[in-house]
């Protein structure tokens, strides 16, 4: 699964830019991957397996994410472009 939220510290108990969805921070997406599909955390290169984008779409923690299915097929999401352009290999 993956979670996308605005880490702005909104609401009681919210802390801005702490990488945790707390307080009343706005959820944008909270998704489960399809059955048989997972994120390969061994081959994911983000520090602490997470990243963020600023308000202009620029990525703050560059890296790659590897998505794999039960048949062993994989796709690599390359997020090493500092301007936020994501490519799929």
N, C-alpha and C. Protein backbone atom coordinates (compact mmCIF):
# COMPACT_ATOMS: atom_id res chain seq x y z
N UNK A 1 0.84 -1.18 0.00
CA UNK A 1 0.00 0.00 0.00
C UNK A 1 0.88 1.24 0.00
N UNK A 2 0.26 2.36 -0.27
CA UNK A 2 0.99 3.61 -0.18
C UNK A 2 0.03 4.72 0.25
N UNK A 3 0.59 5.76 0.83
CA UNK A 3 -0.17 6.88 1.36
C UNK A 3 0.42 8.17 0.83
N UNK A 4 -0.44 9.06 0.36
CA UNK A 4 -0.01 10.38 -0.07
C UNK A 4 -0.79 11.39 0.77
N UNK A 5 -0.09 12.31 1.40
CA UNK A 5 -0.74 13.30 2.24
C UNK A 5 0.06 14.59 2.24
N UNK A 6 -0.57 15.66 2.70
CA UNK A 6 0.09 16.96 2.80
C UNK A 6 0.65 17.08 4.22
N UNK A 7 1.96 17.08 4.34
CA UNK A 7 2.65 17.06 5.63
C UNK A 7 2.87 18.49 6.13
N UNK A 8 1.75 19.18 6.42
CA UNK A 8 1.82 20.59 6.78
C UNK A 8 1.56 20.88 8.26
N UNK A 9 1.34 19.84 9.07
CA UNK A 9 1.12 20.04 10.50
C UNK A 9 -0.25 20.55 10.86
N UNK A 10 -1.23 20.42 9.97
CA UNK A 10 -2.58 20.94 10.23
C UNK A 10 -3.23 20.24 11.42
N UNK A 11 -3.99 21.00 12.19
CA UNK A 11 -4.80 20.45 13.28
C UNK A 11 -4.02 20.20 14.56
N UNK A 12 -4.78 19.87 15.60
CA UNK A 12 -4.18 19.59 16.91
C UNK A 12 -3.30 18.35 16.82
N UNK A 13 -2.08 18.47 17.27
CA UNK A 13 -1.15 17.34 17.27
C UNK A 13 -0.41 17.15 15.96
N UNK A 14 -0.73 17.94 14.95
CA UNK A 14 -0.04 17.82 13.67
C UNK A 14 1.33 18.47 13.73
N UNK A 15 2.31 17.81 13.16
CA UNK A 15 3.68 18.34 13.11
C UNK A 15 4.10 18.39 11.65
N UNK A 16 4.43 19.59 11.19
CA UNK A 16 4.82 19.76 9.79
C UNK A 16 6.13 19.06 9.48
N UNK A 17 6.18 18.46 8.28
CA UNK A 17 7.38 17.86 7.71
C UNK A 17 8.04 16.81 8.60
N UNK A 18 7.21 16.01 9.32
CA UNK A 18 7.76 14.95 10.16
C UNK A 18 7.61 13.57 9.52
N UNK A 19 7.13 13.51 8.27
CA UNK A 19 6.96 12.28 7.51
C UNK A 19 5.85 11.39 8.07
N UNK A 20 5.05 11.89 9.01
CA UNK A 20 3.96 11.12 9.62
C UNK A 20 2.66 11.87 9.38
N UNK A 21 1.63 11.15 8.96
CA UNK A 21 0.32 11.78 8.78
C UNK A 21 -0.34 11.86 10.15
N UNK A 22 -0.31 13.04 10.75
CA UNK A 22 -0.88 13.21 12.07
C UNK A 22 -1.74 14.47 12.11
N UNK A 23 -2.40 14.72 13.24
CA UNK A 23 -3.31 15.86 13.34
C UNK A 23 -4.41 15.75 12.30
N UNK A 24 -4.68 16.85 11.62
CA UNK A 24 -5.71 16.88 10.57
C UNK A 24 -5.08 17.05 9.19
N UNK A 25 -3.88 16.54 9.01
CA UNK A 25 -3.23 16.65 7.70
C UNK A 25 -4.08 15.94 6.65
N UNK A 26 -4.16 16.56 5.49
CA UNK A 26 -5.05 16.13 4.42
C UNK A 26 -4.51 14.92 3.66
N UNK A 27 -5.32 13.82 3.66
CA UNK A 27 -5.01 12.64 2.85
C UNK A 27 -5.35 12.94 1.40
N UNK A 28 -4.44 12.67 0.50
CA UNK A 28 -4.73 12.77 -0.93
C UNK A 28 -5.02 11.39 -1.51
N UNK A 29 -4.25 10.38 -1.10
CA UNK A 29 -4.44 9.01 -1.56
C UNK A 29 -4.00 8.05 -0.45
N UNK A 30 -4.77 7.01 -0.26
CA UNK A 30 -4.42 5.91 0.63
C UNK A 30 -4.84 4.66 -0.11
N UNK A 31 -3.90 4.03 -0.79
CA UNK A 31 -4.24 2.96 -1.73
C UNK A 31 -3.60 1.63 -1.37
N UNK A 32 -4.34 0.58 -1.64
CA UNK A 32 -3.82 -0.78 -1.58
C UNK A 32 -3.42 -1.17 -3.00
N UNK A 33 -2.33 -1.86 -3.15
CA UNK A 33 -1.95 -2.37 -4.46
C UNK A 33 -2.83 -3.57 -4.80
N UNK A 34 -3.00 -3.88 -6.08
CA UNK A 34 -3.81 -5.04 -6.46
C UNK A 34 -3.26 -6.33 -5.84
N UNK A 35 -4.11 -7.33 -5.69
CA UNK A 35 -3.69 -8.62 -5.14
C UNK A 35 -2.53 -9.16 -5.97
N UNK A 36 -1.50 -9.67 -5.30
CA UNK A 36 -0.35 -10.24 -5.98
C UNK A 36 0.70 -9.25 -6.41
N UNK A 37 0.49 -7.96 -6.13
CA UNK A 37 1.45 -6.92 -6.50
C UNK A 37 1.98 -6.30 -5.21
N UNK A 38 3.29 -6.10 -5.14
CA UNK A 38 3.88 -5.51 -3.94
C UNK A 38 5.04 -4.60 -4.29
N UNK A 39 5.43 -3.79 -3.33
CA UNK A 39 6.61 -2.94 -3.45
C UNK A 39 7.78 -3.71 -2.87
N UNK A 40 8.83 -3.88 -3.66
CA UNK A 40 10.03 -4.60 -3.24
C UNK A 40 10.90 -3.62 -2.46
N UNK A 41 10.79 -3.65 -1.13
CA UNK A 41 11.52 -2.69 -0.31
C UNK A 41 13.03 -2.95 -0.31
N UNK A 42 13.45 -4.16 -0.63
CA UNK A 42 14.89 -4.47 -0.71
C UNK A 42 15.54 -3.65 -1.83
N UNK A 43 14.81 -3.48 -2.94
CA UNK A 43 15.35 -2.76 -4.10
C UNK A 43 14.83 -1.34 -4.23
N UNK A 44 14.17 -0.84 -3.22
CA UNK A 44 13.74 0.55 -3.19
C UNK A 44 14.86 1.37 -2.58
N UNK A 45 15.24 2.48 -3.23
CA UNK A 45 16.45 3.19 -2.80
C UNK A 45 16.20 4.51 -2.07
N UNK A 46 14.95 4.83 -1.75
CA UNK A 46 14.69 6.04 -0.98
C UNK A 46 15.20 5.85 0.44
N UNK A 47 15.74 6.89 1.03
CA UNK A 47 16.10 6.84 2.43
C UNK A 47 14.82 6.57 3.23
N UNK A 48 14.85 5.58 4.08
CA UNK A 48 13.70 5.17 4.91
C UNK A 48 12.48 4.77 4.08
N UNK A 49 12.67 4.40 2.81
CA UNK A 49 11.59 3.93 1.93
C UNK A 49 10.47 4.94 1.76
N UNK A 50 10.81 6.21 1.67
CA UNK A 50 9.80 7.24 1.48
C UNK A 50 10.38 8.41 0.72
N UNK A 51 9.49 9.20 0.13
CA UNK A 51 9.91 10.40 -0.58
C UNK A 51 8.85 11.47 -0.42
N UNK A 52 9.13 12.64 -0.92
CA UNK A 52 8.17 13.74 -0.89
C UNK A 52 8.40 14.65 -2.07
N UNK A 53 7.35 15.39 -2.40
CA UNK A 53 7.41 16.40 -3.46
C UNK A 53 7.05 17.73 -2.85
N UNK A 54 7.68 18.80 -3.30
CA UNK A 54 7.31 20.12 -2.80
C UNK A 54 6.13 20.66 -3.63
N UNK A 55 5.69 21.85 -3.33
CA UNK A 55 4.55 22.44 -4.00
C UNK A 55 4.74 22.68 -5.49
N UNK A 56 5.98 22.67 -5.95
CA UNK A 56 6.27 22.84 -7.38
C UNK A 56 6.47 21.51 -8.09
N UNK A 57 6.31 20.40 -7.36
CA UNK A 57 6.46 19.08 -7.95
C UNK A 57 7.87 18.54 -7.97
N UNK A 58 8.80 19.26 -7.35
CA UNK A 58 10.18 18.80 -7.29
C UNK A 58 10.32 17.76 -6.19
N UNK A 59 11.05 16.70 -6.48
CA UNK A 59 11.20 15.61 -5.52
C UNK A 59 12.28 15.96 -4.49
N UNK A 60 12.03 15.59 -3.24
CA UNK A 60 12.97 15.92 -2.17
C UNK A 60 13.88 14.77 -1.78
N UNK A 61 13.51 13.55 -2.08
CA UNK A 61 14.29 12.37 -1.71
C UNK A 61 14.30 11.45 -2.93
N UNK A 62 15.27 11.61 -3.79
CA UNK A 62 15.32 10.88 -5.05
C UNK A 62 15.62 9.40 -4.83
N UNK A 63 15.16 8.56 -5.76
CA UNK A 63 15.43 7.14 -5.68
C UNK A 63 14.60 6.36 -6.67
N UNK A 64 14.57 5.04 -6.47
CA UNK A 64 13.74 4.19 -7.31
C UNK A 64 12.83 3.34 -6.43
N UNK A 65 11.70 2.92 -7.02
CA UNK A 65 10.78 1.99 -6.38
C UNK A 65 10.61 0.82 -7.34
N UNK A 66 10.73 -0.39 -6.84
CA UNK A 66 10.52 -1.58 -7.65
C UNK A 66 9.19 -2.21 -7.26
N UNK A 67 8.33 -2.38 -8.26
CA UNK A 67 7.02 -3.02 -8.08
C UNK A 67 7.13 -4.42 -8.69
N UNK A 68 6.67 -5.44 -7.97
CA UNK A 68 6.79 -6.82 -8.46
C UNK A 68 5.47 -7.57 -8.25
N UNK A 69 5.19 -8.53 -9.15
CA UNK A 69 3.99 -9.35 -8.97
C UNK A 69 4.39 -10.77 -8.62
N UNK A 70 3.42 -11.62 -8.35
CA UNK A 70 3.71 -12.99 -7.91
C UNK A 70 4.40 -13.83 -8.98
N UNK A 71 4.31 -13.42 -10.24
CA UNK A 71 5.00 -14.13 -11.33
C UNK A 71 6.46 -13.69 -11.45
N UNK A 72 6.87 -12.71 -10.65
CA UNK A 72 8.24 -12.23 -10.70
C UNK A 72 8.47 -11.10 -11.68
N UNK A 73 7.42 -10.68 -12.39
CA UNK A 73 7.56 -9.54 -13.30
C UNK A 73 7.70 -8.27 -12.47
N UNK A 74 8.55 -7.38 -12.93
CA UNK A 74 8.76 -6.15 -12.17
C UNK A 74 8.79 -4.93 -13.06
N UNK A 75 8.47 -3.81 -12.45
CA UNK A 75 8.59 -2.49 -13.08
C UNK A 75 9.36 -1.62 -12.11
N UNK A 76 10.23 -0.80 -12.65
CA UNK A 76 11.01 0.11 -11.83
C UNK A 76 10.53 1.53 -12.09
N UNK A 77 10.14 2.20 -11.02
CA UNK A 77 9.75 3.60 -11.08
C UNK A 77 10.98 4.41 -10.73
N UNK A 78 11.55 5.08 -11.71
CA UNK A 78 12.78 5.85 -11.52
C UNK A 78 12.40 7.29 -11.18
N UNK A 79 12.71 7.67 -9.95
CA UNK A 79 12.36 9.00 -9.46
C UNK A 79 13.65 9.73 -9.07
N UNK A 80 14.66 9.63 -9.94
CA UNK A 80 15.94 10.27 -9.68
C UNK A 80 16.06 11.63 -10.34
N UNK A 81 15.02 12.11 -10.97
CA UNK A 81 15.03 13.42 -11.59
C UNK A 81 14.58 14.45 -10.56
N UNK A 82 15.42 15.39 -10.23
CA UNK A 82 15.09 16.35 -9.16
C UNK A 82 13.90 17.23 -9.50
N UNK A 83 13.46 17.25 -10.75
CA UNK A 83 12.31 18.05 -11.14
C UNK A 83 11.00 17.27 -11.03
N UNK A 84 11.05 16.03 -10.49
CA UNK A 84 9.84 15.27 -10.24
C UNK A 84 9.37 14.40 -11.38
N UNK A 85 10.11 14.34 -12.48
CA UNK A 85 9.70 13.49 -13.62
C UNK A 85 9.94 12.03 -13.26
N UNK A 86 8.89 11.23 -13.34
CA UNK A 86 8.97 9.81 -13.03
C UNK A 86 8.96 9.02 -14.33
N UNK A 87 9.90 8.09 -14.46
CA UNK A 87 9.92 7.21 -15.63
C UNK A 87 9.72 5.77 -15.16
N UNK A 88 9.14 4.94 -16.02
CA UNK A 88 8.89 3.54 -15.71
C UNK A 88 9.71 2.68 -16.66
N UNK A 89 10.50 1.78 -16.09
CA UNK A 89 11.34 0.86 -16.87
C UNK A 89 10.85 -0.56 -16.69
